[in-house]
Amino acid sequence: DAEVIPSSHWNSAQVFQDAILSSEGGQMLDITVDNLGEELLAIAGENIPATRFRLYSDITFDLWYDAEGRWVKCAFEARGQHIVYVLQELY
Protein backbone atom coordinates (compact mmCIF):
# COMPACT_ATOMS: atom_id res chain seq x y z
CA ASP A 1 0.00 0.00 0.00
CA ALA A 2 1.45 3.35 -1.04
CA GLU A 3 0.13 4.96 2.16
CA VAL A 4 2.20 2.71 4.45
CA ILE A 5 5.44 4.19 5.73
CA PRO A 6 8.44 2.28 7.08
CA SER A 7 9.17 2.48 10.79
CA SER A 8 11.63 5.28 11.45
CA HIS A 9 11.66 7.67 14.36
CA TRP A 10 13.18 10.25 12.01
CA ASN A 11 9.83 10.42 10.20
CA SER A 12 7.31 12.20 12.45
CA ALA A 13 4.49 11.05 10.14
CA GLN A 14 4.58 7.65 11.87
CA VAL A 15 2.74 9.09 14.87
CA PHE A 16 -0.28 9.74 12.64
CA GLN A 17 -0.53 6.15 11.36
CA ASP A 18 -2.47 3.05 12.45
CA ALA A 19 0.15 0.71 11.02
CA ILE A 20 3.75 0.95 9.84
CA LEU A 21 6.08 -1.35 7.96
CA SER A 22 8.78 -2.79 10.23
CA SER A 23 12.15 -1.69 8.87
CA GLU A 24 13.71 -4.59 10.79
CA GLY A 25 11.52 -7.56 9.83
CA GLY A 26 9.47 -6.33 6.86
CA GLN A 27 6.11 -7.15 8.49
CA MET A 28 3.24 -4.77 9.11
CA LEU A 29 3.03 -3.49 12.70
CA ASP A 30 -0.27 -2.32 14.09
CA ILE A 31 0.34 0.74 16.24
CA THR A 32 -1.61 2.96 18.59
CA VAL A 33 -0.39 6.47 19.35
CA ASP A 34 -1.33 8.83 22.17
CA ASN A 35 -0.50 12.54 22.04
CA LEU A 36 0.78 13.33 25.55
CA GLY A 37 1.08 17.07 24.97
CA GLU A 38 3.80 19.66 24.77
CA GLU A 39 6.89 19.78 26.99
CA LEU A 40 9.99 21.99 27.14
CA LEU A 41 13.20 20.06 26.50
CA ALA A 42 16.77 21.26 26.97
CA ILE A 43 18.34 20.64 23.56
CA ALA A 44 21.81 21.96 22.72
CA GLY A 45 21.58 24.55 25.49
CA GLU A 46 18.16 25.82 24.40
CA ASN A 47 14.68 25.16 25.77
CA ILE A 48 12.75 23.71 22.84
CA PRO A 49 8.99 23.04 22.94
CA ALA A 50 8.29 19.52 21.75
CA THR A 51 5.20 17.35 21.51
CA ARG A 52 5.43 14.00 23.25
CA PHE A 53 3.79 10.94 21.69
CA ARG A 54 3.53 7.43 23.08
CA LEU A 55 3.65 4.77 20.36
CA TYR A 56 2.40 1.30 21.33
CA SER A 57 3.48 -1.69 19.27
CA ASP A 58 5.78 -4.63 19.99
CA ILE A 59 7.75 -2.09 22.08
CA THR A 60 6.29 1.07 23.64
CA PHE A 61 8.21 4.24 22.75
CA ASP A 62 7.88 7.82 23.90
CA LEU A 63 8.84 10.13 21.05
CA TRP A 64 9.23 13.92 21.09
CA TYR A 65 9.10 16.09 17.96
CA ASP A 66 9.59 19.85 17.78
CA ALA A 67 7.43 22.26 15.77
CA GLU A 68 9.61 21.65 12.68
CA GLY A 69 9.00 17.89 12.91
CA ARG A 70 12.52 17.14 14.11
CA TRP A 71 12.91 14.04 16.26
CA VAL A 72 14.45 15.47 19.45
CA LYS A 73 14.03 12.71 22.03
CA CYS A 74 13.09 9.04 22.41
CA ALA A 75 12.68 6.86 25.49
CA PHE A 76 11.80 3.18 25.84
CA GLU A 77 12.41 0.01 27.85
CA ALA A 78 14.25 -2.92 26.29
CA ARG A 79 15.78 -6.02 27.88
CA GLY A 80 15.30 -4.52 31.34
CA GLN A 81 17.09 -1.29 30.44
CA HIS A 82 15.70 2.25 30.20
CA ILE A 83 17.04 3.74 26.95
CA VAL A 84 16.92 7.48 26.19
CA TYR A 85 18.10 9.30 23.06
CA VAL A 86 18.27 13.11 23.14
CA LEU A 87 19.27 15.36 20.25
CA GLN A 88 22.61 16.99 21.08
CA GLU A 89 22.86 19.55 18.28
CA LEU A 90 20.07 21.35 16.43
CA TYR A 91 20.17 20.77 12.68
PDB file of N, CA and C in Angstrom:
ATOM      1  N   ASP A   1       0.849  -1.181   0.000  1.00  0.00           N
ATOM      2  CA  ASP A   1       0.000   0.000   0.000  1.00  0.00           C
ATOM      3  C   ASP A   1       0.890   1.239   0.000  1.00  0.00           C
ATOM      4  N   ALA A   2       0.638   2.142  -0.903  1.00  0.00           N
ATOM      5  CA  ALA A   2       1.449   3.355  -1.037  1.00  0.00           C
ATOM      6  C   ALA A   2       1.344   4.272   0.173  1.00  0.00           C
ATOM      7  N   GLU A   3       0.313   4.115   0.988  1.00  0.00           N
ATOM      8  CA  GLU A   3       0.128   4.964   2.163  1.00  0.00           C
ATOM      9  C   GLU A   3       0.958   4.502   3.360  1.00  0.00           C
ATOM     10  N   VAL A   4       1.448   3.276   3.330  1.00  0.00           N
ATOM     11  CA  VAL A   4       2.196   2.713   4.449  1.00  0.00           C
ATOM     12  C   VAL A   4       3.613   3.276   4.441  1.00  0.00           C
ATOM     13  N   ILE A   5       4.072   3.694   5.622  1.00  0.00           N
ATOM     14  CA  ILE A   5       5.439   4.190   5.730  1.00  0.00           C
ATOM     15  C   ILE A   5       6.272   3.215   6.548  1.00  0.00           C
ATOM     16  N   PRO A   6       7.578   3.151   6.276  1.00  0.00           N
ATOM     17  CA  PRO A   6       8.440   2.284   7.083  1.00  0.00           C
ATOM     18  C   PRO A   6       8.660   2.880   8.458  1.00  0.00           C
ATOM     19  N   SER A   7       8.898   2.013   9.429  1.00  0.00           N
ATOM     20  CA  SER A   7       9.171   2.482  10.791  1.00  0.00           C
ATOM     21  C   SER A   7      10.492   3.237  10.802  1.00  0.00           C
ATOM     22  N   SER A   8      10.441   4.449  11.303  1.00  0.00           N
ATOM     23  CA  SER A   8      11.633   5.283  11.454  1.00  0.00           C
ATOM     24  C   SER A   8      11.268   6.439  12.357  1.00  0.00           C
ATOM     25  N   HIS A   9      11.964   6.561  13.455  1.00  0.00           N
ATOM     26  CA  HIS A   9      11.662   7.671  14.359  1.00  0.00           C
ATOM     27  C   HIS A   9      12.013   9.010  13.732  1.00  0.00           C
ATOM     28  N   TRP A  10      12.840   9.006  12.696  1.00  0.00           N
ATOM     29  CA  TRP A  10      13.176  10.246  12.006  1.00  0.00           C
ATOM     30  C   TRP A  10      11.969  10.821  11.277  1.00  0.00           C
ATOM     31  N   ASN A  11      11.005   9.986  10.943  1.00  0.00           N
ATOM     32  CA  ASN A  11       9.826  10.421  10.195  1.00  0.00           C
ATOM     33  C   ASN A  11       8.662  10.631  11.166  1.00  0.00           C
ATOM     34  N   SER A  12       8.368  11.892  11.482  1.00  0.00           N
ATOM     35  CA  SER A  12       7.306  12.195  12.448  1.00  0.00           C
ATOM     36  C   SER A  12       5.926  11.769  11.956  1.00  0.00           C
ATOM     37  N   ALA A  13       5.775  11.487  10.682  1.00  0.00           N
ATOM     38  CA  ALA A  13       4.487  11.046  10.141  1.00  0.00           C
ATOM     39  C   ALA A  13       4.037   9.723  10.754  1.00  0.00           C
ATOM     40  N   GLN A  14       4.968   8.941  11.300  1.00  0.00           N
ATOM     41  CA  GLN A  14       4.585   7.646  11.866  1.00  0.00           C
ATOM     42  C   GLN A  14       3.618   7.787  13.033  1.00  0.00           C
ATOM     43  N   VAL A  15       3.633   8.928  13.725  1.00  0.00           N
ATOM     44  CA  VAL A  15       2.742   9.089  14.874  1.00  0.00           C
ATOM     45  C   VAL A  15       1.302   9.391  14.459  1.00  0.00           C
ATOM     46  N   PHE A  16       1.064   9.501  13.153  1.00  0.00           N
ATOM     47  CA  PHE A  16      -0.284   9.740  12.644  1.00  0.00           C
ATOM     48  C   PHE A  16      -0.805   8.530  11.871  1.00  0.00           C
ATOM     49  N   GLN A  17      -0.178   7.374  12.075  1.00  0.00           N
ATOM     50  CA  GLN A  17      -0.535   6.147  11.364  1.00  0.00           C
ATOM     51  C   GLN A  17      -1.198   5.146  12.297  1.00  0.00           C
ATOM     52  N   ASP A  18      -1.907   4.187  11.709  1.00  0.00           N
ATOM     53  CA  ASP A  18      -2.469   3.054  12.454  1.00  0.00           C
ATOM     54  C   ASP A  18      -1.597   1.809  12.308  1.00  0.00           C
ATOM     55  N   ALA A  19      -0.746   1.833  11.279  1.00  0.00           N
ATOM     56  CA  ALA A  19       0.149   0.712  11.020  1.00  0.00           C
ATOM     57  C   ALA A  19       1.373   1.256  10.292  1.00  0.00           C
ATOM     58  N   ILE A  20       2.511   0.598  10.529  1.00  0.00           N
ATOM     59  CA  ILE A  20       3.746   0.951   9.840  1.00  0.00           C
ATOM     60  C   ILE A  20       4.436  -0.334   9.412  1.00  0.00           C
ATOM     61  N   LEU A  21       5.320  -0.210   8.439  1.00  0.00           N
ATOM     62  CA  LEU A  21       6.083  -1.351   7.961  1.00  0.00           C
ATOM     63  C   LEU A  21       7.362  -1.462   8.789  1.00  0.00           C
ATOM     64  N   SER A  22       7.575  -2.591   9.419  1.00  0.00           N
ATOM     65  CA  SER A  22       8.781  -2.786  10.226  1.00  0.00           C
ATOM     66  C   SER A  22      10.005  -2.703   9.332  1.00  0.00           C
ATOM     67  N   SER A  23      10.913  -1.792   9.641  1.00  0.00           N
ATOM     68  CA  SER A  23      12.149  -1.690   8.872  1.00  0.00           C
ATOM     69  C   SER A  23      13.142  -2.779   9.275  1.00  0.00           C
ATOM     70  N   GLU A  24      12.840  -3.493  10.356  1.00  0.00           N
ATOM     71  CA  GLU A  24      13.706  -4.587  10.786  1.00  0.00           C
ATOM     72  C   GLU A  24      13.286  -5.920  10.180  1.00  0.00           C
ATOM     73  N   GLY A  25      11.982  -6.252  10.259  1.00  0.00           N
ATOM     74  CA  GLY A  25      11.522  -7.565   9.826  1.00  0.00           C
ATOM     75  C   GLY A  25      10.681  -7.577   8.569  1.00  0.00           C
ATOM     76  N   GLY A  26      10.257  -6.410   8.087  1.00  0.00           N
ATOM     77  CA  GLY A  26       9.471  -6.332   6.863  1.00  0.00           C
ATOM     78  C   GLY A  26       7.987  -6.613   7.038  1.00  0.00           C
ATOM     79  N   GLN A  27       7.536  -6.872   8.270  1.00  0.00           N
ATOM     80  CA  GLN A  27       6.112  -7.147   8.491  1.00  0.00           C
ATOM     81  C   GLN A  27       5.377  -5.854   8.872  1.00  0.00           C
ATOM     82  N   MET A  28       4.076  -5.889   8.703  1.00  0.00           N
ATOM     83  CA  MET A  28       3.240  -4.767   9.113  1.00  0.00           C
ATOM     84  C   MET A  28       3.095  -4.795  10.632  1.00  0.00           C
ATOM     85  N   LEU A  29       3.215  -3.625  11.254  1.00  0.00           N
ATOM     86  CA  LEU A  29       3.033  -3.487  12.696  1.00  0.00           C
ATOM     87  C   LEU A  29       1.826  -2.607  12.955  1.00  0.00           C
ATOM     88  N   ASP A  30       0.839  -3.148  13.635  1.00  0.00           N
ATOM     89  CA  ASP A  30      -0.267  -2.316  14.090  1.00  0.00           C
ATOM     90  C   ASP A  30       0.242  -1.447  15.222  1.00  0.00           C
ATOM     91  N   ILE A  31      -0.098  -0.158  15.189  1.00  0.00           N
ATOM     92  CA  ILE A  31       0.340   0.743  16.243  1.00  0.00           C
ATOM     93  C   ILE A  31      -0.828   1.571  16.744  1.00  0.00           C
ATOM     94  N   THR A  32      -0.699   1.999  17.974  1.00  0.00           N
ATOM     95  CA  THR A  32      -1.611   2.960  18.587  1.00  0.00           C
ATOM     96  C   THR A  32      -0.740   4.086  19.109  1.00  0.00           C
ATOM     97  N   VAL A  33      -1.192   5.326  18.934  1.00  0.00           N
ATOM     98  CA  VAL A  33      -0.388   6.466  19.349  1.00  0.00           C
ATOM     99  C   VAL A  33      -1.237   7.408  20.190  1.00  0.00           C
ATOM    100  N   ASP A  34      -0.696   7.816  21.331  1.00  0.00           N
ATOM    101  CA  ASP A  34      -1.327   8.825  22.174  1.00  0.00           C
ATOM    102  C   ASP A  34      -0.492  10.101  22.122  1.00  0.00           C
ATOM    103  N   ASN A  35      -1.159  11.238  21.959  1.00  0.00           N
ATOM    104  CA  ASN A  35      -0.503  12.537  22.040  1.00  0.00           C
ATOM    105  C   ASN A  35      -0.513  12.929  23.514  1.00  0.00           C
ATOM    106  N   LEU A  36       0.658  13.036  24.128  1.00  0.00           N
ATOM    107  CA  LEU A  36       0.776  13.331  25.552  1.00  0.00           C
ATOM    108  C   LEU A  36       1.002  14.814  25.829  1.00  0.00           C
ATOM    109  N   GLY A  37       0.987  15.629  24.788  1.00  0.00           N
ATOM    110  CA  GLY A  37       1.081  17.071  24.972  1.00  0.00           C
ATOM    111  C   GLY A  37       2.476  17.634  24.802  1.00  0.00           C
ATOM    112  N   GLU A  38       2.549  18.937  24.988  1.00  0.00           N
ATOM    113  CA  GLU A  38       3.802  19.659  24.772  1.00  0.00           C
ATOM    114  C   GLU A  38       4.620  19.745  26.057  1.00  0.00           C
ATOM    115  N   GLU A  39       5.942  19.650  25.891  1.00  0.00           N
ATOM    116  CA  GLU A  39       6.891  19.776  26.990  1.00  0.00           C
ATOM    117  C   GLU A  39       8.052  20.648  26.525  1.00  0.00           C
ATOM    118  N   LEU A  40       8.749  21.275  27.451  1.00  0.00           N
ATOM    119  CA  LEU A  40       9.986  21.990  27.137  1.00  0.00           C
ATOM    120  C   LEU A  40      11.156  21.052  27.385  1.00  0.00           C
ATOM    121  N   LEU A  41      12.021  20.905  26.379  1.00  0.00           N
ATOM    122  CA  LEU A  41      13.198  20.055  26.498  1.00  0.00           C
ATOM    123  C   LEU A  41      14.451  20.898  26.340  1.00  0.00           C
ATOM    124  N   ALA A  42      15.473  20.604  27.118  1.00  0.00           N
ATOM    125  CA  ALA A  42      16.766  21.262  26.966  1.00  0.00           C
ATOM    126  C   ALA A  42      17.535  20.542  25.867  1.00  0.00           C
ATOM    127  N   ILE A  43      17.660  21.208  24.719  1.00  0.00           N
ATOM    128  CA  ILE A  43      18.339  20.643  23.558  1.00  0.00           C
ATOM    129  C   ILE A  43      19.442  21.613  23.142  1.00  0.00           C
ATOM    130  N   ALA A  44      20.666  21.153  23.138  1.00  0.00           N
ATOM    131  CA  ALA A  44      21.813  21.965  22.715  1.00  0.00           C
ATOM    132  C   ALA A  44      21.835  23.314  23.417  1.00  0.00           C
ATOM    133  N   GLY A  45      21.536  23.323  24.708  1.00  0.00           N
ATOM    134  CA  GLY A  45      21.578  24.546  25.494  1.00  0.00           C
ATOM    135  C   GLY A  45      20.385  25.467  25.327  1.00  0.00           C
ATOM    136  N   GLU A  46      19.367  25.019  24.594  1.00  0.00           N
ATOM    137  CA  GLU A  46      18.161  25.817  24.395  1.00  0.00           C
ATOM    138  C   GLU A  46      16.946  25.051  24.912  1.00  0.00           C
ATOM    139  N   ASN A  47      15.949  25.782  25.402  1.00  0.00           N
ATOM    140  CA  ASN A  47      14.678  25.163  25.766  1.00  0.00           C
ATOM    141  C   ASN A  47      13.806  25.126  24.519  1.00  0.00           C
ATOM    142  N   ILE A  48      13.500  23.927  24.075  1.00  0.00           N
ATOM    143  CA  ILE A  48      12.747  23.712  22.842  1.00  0.00           C
ATOM    144  C   ILE A  48      11.394  23.092  23.187  1.00  0.00           C
ATOM    145  N   PRO A  49      10.279  23.711  22.756  1.00  0.00           N
ATOM    146  CA  PRO A  49       8.990  23.044  22.943  1.00  0.00           C
ATOM    147  C   PRO A  49       8.885  21.846  21.999  1.00  0.00           C
ATOM    148  N   ALA A  50       8.430  20.740  22.542  1.00  0.00           N
ATOM    149  CA  ALA A  50       8.291  19.522  21.746  1.00  0.00           C
ATOM    150  C   ALA A  50       7.025  18.794  22.174  1.00  0.00           C
ATOM    151  N   THR A  51       6.394  18.145  21.223  1.00  0.00           N
ATOM    152  CA  THR A  51       5.203  17.351  21.508  1.00  0.00           C
ATOM    153  C   THR A  51       5.625  15.915  21.766  1.00  0.00           C
ATOM    154  N   ARG A  52       5.104  15.364  22.855  1.00  0.00           N
ATOM    155  CA  ARG A  52       5.427  13.997  23.255  1.00  0.00           C
ATOM    156  C   ARG A  52       4.310  13.063  22.800  1.00  0.00           C
ATOM    157  N   PHE A  53       4.714  11.973  22.138  1.00  0.00           N
ATOM    158  CA  PHE A  53       3.791  10.939  21.686  1.00  0.00           C
ATOM    159  C   PHE A  53       4.212   9.613  22.300  1.00  0.00           C
ATOM    160  N   ARG A  54       3.245   8.793  22.634  1.00  0.00           N
ATOM    161  CA  ARG A  54       3.530   7.426  23.083  1.00  0.00           C
ATOM    162  C   ARG A  54       3.024   6.487  21.993  1.00  0.00           C
ATOM    163  N   LEU A  55       3.943   5.706  21.432  1.00  0.00           N
ATOM    164  CA  LEU A  55       3.647   4.770  20.359  1.00  0.00           C
ATOM    165  C   LEU A  55       3.669   3.360  20.935  1.00  0.00           C
ATOM    166  N   TYR A  56       2.541   2.679  20.830  1.00  0.00           N
ATOM    167  CA  TYR A  56       2.400   1.300  21.334  1.00  0.00           C
ATOM    168  C   TYR A  56       2.477   0.335  20.165  1.00  0.00           C
ATOM    169  N   SER A  57       3.383  -0.617  20.246  1.00  0.00           N
ATOM    170  CA  SER A  57       3.484  -1.689  19.266  1.00  0.00           C
ATOM    171  C   SER A  57       4.149  -2.863  19.971  1.00  0.00           C
ATOM    172  N   ASP A  58       5.083  -3.545  19.307  1.00  0.00           N
ATOM    173  CA  ASP A  58       5.781  -4.627  19.989  1.00  0.00           C
ATOM    174  C   ASP A  58       6.643  -4.081  21.126  1.00  0.00           C
ATOM    175  N   ILE A  59       7.072  -2.821  21.007  1.00  0.00           N
ATOM    176  CA  ILE A  59       7.745  -2.085  22.082  1.00  0.00           C
ATOM    177  C   ILE A  59       7.030  -0.744  22.212  1.00  0.00           C
ATOM    178  N   THR A  60       6.901  -0.246  23.430  1.00  0.00           N
ATOM    179  CA  THR A  60       6.287   1.068  23.642  1.00  0.00           C
ATOM    180  C   THR A  60       7.393   2.114  23.685  1.00  0.00           C
ATOM    181  N   PHE A  61       7.245   3.146  22.835  1.00  0.00           N
ATOM    182  CA  PHE A  61       8.212   4.236  22.746  1.00  0.00           C
ATOM    183  C   PHE A  61       7.544   5.538  23.128  1.00  0.00           C
ATOM    184  N   ASP A  62       8.270   6.426  23.795  1.00  0.00           N
ATOM    185  CA  ASP A  62       7.877   7.823  23.901  1.00  0.00           C
ATOM    186  C   ASP A  62       8.765   8.586  22.938  1.00  0.00           C
ATOM    187  N   LEU A  63       8.138   9.368  22.078  1.00  0.00           N
ATOM    188  CA  LEU A  63       8.844  10.132  21.049  1.00  0.00           C
ATOM    189  C   LEU A  63       8.478  11.598  21.172  1.00  0.00           C
ATOM    190  N   TRP A  64       9.455  12.482  21.050  1.00  0.00           N
ATOM    191  CA  TRP A  64       9.232  13.917  21.094  1.00  0.00           C
ATOM    192  C   TRP A  64       9.657  14.517  19.762  1.00  0.00           C
ATOM    193  N   TYR A  65       8.800  15.377  19.198  1.00  0.00           N
ATOM    194  CA  TYR A  65       9.101  16.092  17.960  1.00  0.00           C
ATOM    195  C   TYR A  65       8.873  17.576  18.197  1.00  0.00           C
ATOM    196  N   ASP A  66       9.774  18.407  17.642  1.00  0.00           N
ATOM    197  CA  ASP A  66       9.591  19.853  17.784  1.00  0.00           C
ATOM    198  C   ASP A  66       8.635  20.359  16.706  1.00  0.00           C
ATOM    199  N   ALA A  67       8.393  21.661  16.689  1.00  0.00           N
ATOM    200  CA  ALA A  67       7.426  22.262  15.766  1.00  0.00           C
ATOM    201  C   ALA A  67       7.839  22.088  14.306  1.00  0.00           C
ATOM    202  N   GLU A  68       9.120  21.861  14.052  1.00  0.00           N
ATOM    203  CA  GLU A  68       9.610  21.646  12.684  1.00  0.00           C
ATOM    204  C   GLU A  68       9.556  20.173  12.283  1.00  0.00           C
ATOM    205  N   GLY A  69       9.075  19.315  13.188  1.00  0.00           N
ATOM    206  CA  GLY A  69       8.999  17.889  12.908  1.00  0.00           C
ATOM    207  C   GLY A  69      10.287  17.142  13.172  1.00  0.00           C
ATOM    208  N   ARG A  70      11.260  17.813  13.802  1.00  0.00           N
ATOM    209  CA  ARG A  70      12.517  17.139  14.113  1.00  0.00           C
ATOM    210  C   ARG A  70      12.320  16.194  15.286  1.00  0.00           C
ATOM    211  N   TRP A  71      12.892  15.013  15.171  1.00  0.00           N
ATOM    212  CA  TRP A  71      12.908  14.041  16.261  1.00  0.00           C
ATOM    213  C   TRP A  71      13.950  14.532  17.259  1.00  0.00           C
ATOM    214  N   VAL A  72      13.521  14.893  18.484  1.00  0.00           N
ATOM    215  CA  VAL A  72      14.450  15.473  19.453  1.00  0.00           C
ATOM    216  C   VAL A  72      14.691  14.587  20.670  1.00  0.00           C
ATOM    217  N   LYS A  73      13.814  13.593  20.888  1.00  0.00           N
ATOM    218  CA  LYS A  73      14.028  12.709  22.026  1.00  0.00           C
ATOM    219  C   LYS A  73      13.237  11.412  21.824  1.00  0.00           C
ATOM    220  N   CYS A  74      13.745  10.347  22.420  1.00  0.00           N
ATOM    221  CA  CYS A  74      13.087   9.041  22.406  1.00  0.00           C
ATOM    222  C   CYS A  74      13.415   8.344  23.718  1.00  0.00           C
ATOM    223  N   ALA A  75      12.445   7.644  24.277  1.00  0.00           N
ATOM    224  CA  ALA A  75      12.676   6.864  25.493  1.00  0.00           C
ATOM    225  C   ALA A  75      11.873   5.569  25.411  1.00  0.00           C
ATOM    226  N   PHE A  76      12.487   4.469  25.851  1.00  0.00           N
ATOM    227  CA  PHE A  76      11.802   3.176  25.839  1.00  0.00           C
ATOM    228  C   PHE A  76      12.517   2.204  26.767  1.00  0.00           C
ATOM    229  N   GLU A  77      11.854   1.102  27.053  1.00  0.00           N
ATOM    230  CA  GLU A  77      12.414   0.011  27.854  1.00  0.00           C
ATOM    231  C   GLU A  77      12.710  -1.154  26.916  1.00  0.00           C
ATOM    232  N   ALA A  78      13.898  -1.741  27.079  1.00  0.00           N
ATOM    233  CA  ALA A  78      14.253  -2.925  26.290  1.00  0.00           C
ATOM    234  C   ALA A  78      15.220  -3.780  27.091  1.00  0.00           C
ATOM    235  N   ARG A  79      14.918  -5.067  27.173  1.00  0.00           N
ATOM    236  CA  ARG A  79      15.775  -6.025  27.883  1.00  0.00           C
ATOM    237  C   ARG A  79      16.118  -5.551  29.290  1.00  0.00           C
ATOM    238  N   GLY A  80      15.123  -4.962  29.967  1.00  0.00           N
ATOM    239  CA  GLY A  80      15.304  -4.522  31.340  1.00  0.00           C
ATOM    240  C   GLY A  80      16.066  -3.217  31.499  1.00  0.00           C
ATOM    241  N   GLN A  81      16.349  -2.549  30.410  1.00  0.00           N
ATOM    242  CA  GLN A  81      17.094  -1.290  30.441  1.00  0.00           C
ATOM    243  C   GLN A  81      16.202  -0.135  30.004  1.00  0.00           C
ATOM    244  N   HIS A  82      16.388   1.033  30.624  1.00  0.00           N
ATOM    245  CA  HIS A  82      15.695   2.253  30.204  1.00  0.00           C
ATOM    246  C   HIS A  82      16.634   2.991  29.249  1.00  0.00           C
ATOM    247  N   ILE A  83      16.227   3.132  27.999  1.00  0.00           N
ATOM    248  CA  ILE A  83      17.040   3.740  26.950  1.00  0.00           C
ATOM    249  C   ILE A  83      16.471   5.114  26.623  1.00  0.00           C
ATOM    250  N   VAL A  84      17.339   6.123  26.534  1.00  0.00           N
ATOM    251  CA  VAL A  84      16.924   7.483  26.190  1.00  0.00           C
ATOM    252  C   VAL A  84      17.886   8.045  25.150  1.00  0.00           C
ATOM    253  N   TYR A  85      17.333   8.557  24.060  1.00  0.00           N
ATOM    254  CA  TYR A  85      18.096   9.298  23.064  1.00  0.00           C
ATOM    255  C   TYR A  85      17.646  10.745  23.135  1.00  0.00           C
ATOM    256  N   VAL A  86      18.595  11.689  23.135  1.00  0.00           N
ATOM    257  CA  VAL A  86      18.274  13.107  23.135  1.00  0.00           C
ATOM    258  C   VAL A  86      19.146  13.797  22.093  1.00  0.00           C
ATOM    259  N   LEU A  87      18.540  14.608  21.255  1.00  0.00           N
ATOM    260  CA  LEU A  87      19.271  15.363  20.250  1.00  0.00           C
ATOM    261  C   LEU A  87      20.304  16.257  20.936  1.00  0.00           C
ATOM    262  N   GLN A  88      21.528  16.222  20.462  1.00  0.00           N
ATOM    263  CA  GLN A  88      22.607  16.993  21.079  1.00  0.00           C
ATOM    264  C   GLN A  88      22.908  18.299  20.353  1.00  0.00           C
ATOM    265  N   GLU A  89      22.567  18.360  19.065  1.00  0.00           N
ATOM    266  CA  GLU A  89      22.856  19.547  18.277  1.00  0.00           C
ATOM    267  C   GLU A  89      21.694  19.793  17.327  1.00  0.00           C
ATOM    268  N   LEU A  90      21.165  21.020  17.336  1.00  0.00           N
ATOM    269  CA  LEU A  90      20.065  21.349  16.429  1.00  0.00           C
ATOM    270  C   LEU A  90      20.571  21.364  14.993  1.00  0.00           C
ATOM    271  N   TYR A  91      19.798  20.825  14.096  1.00  0.00           N
ATOM    272  CA  TYR A  91      20.167  20.770  12.685  1.00  0.00           C
ATOM    273  C   TYR A  91      19.170  21.514  11.845  1.00  0.00           C
TER     274      TYR A  91
END
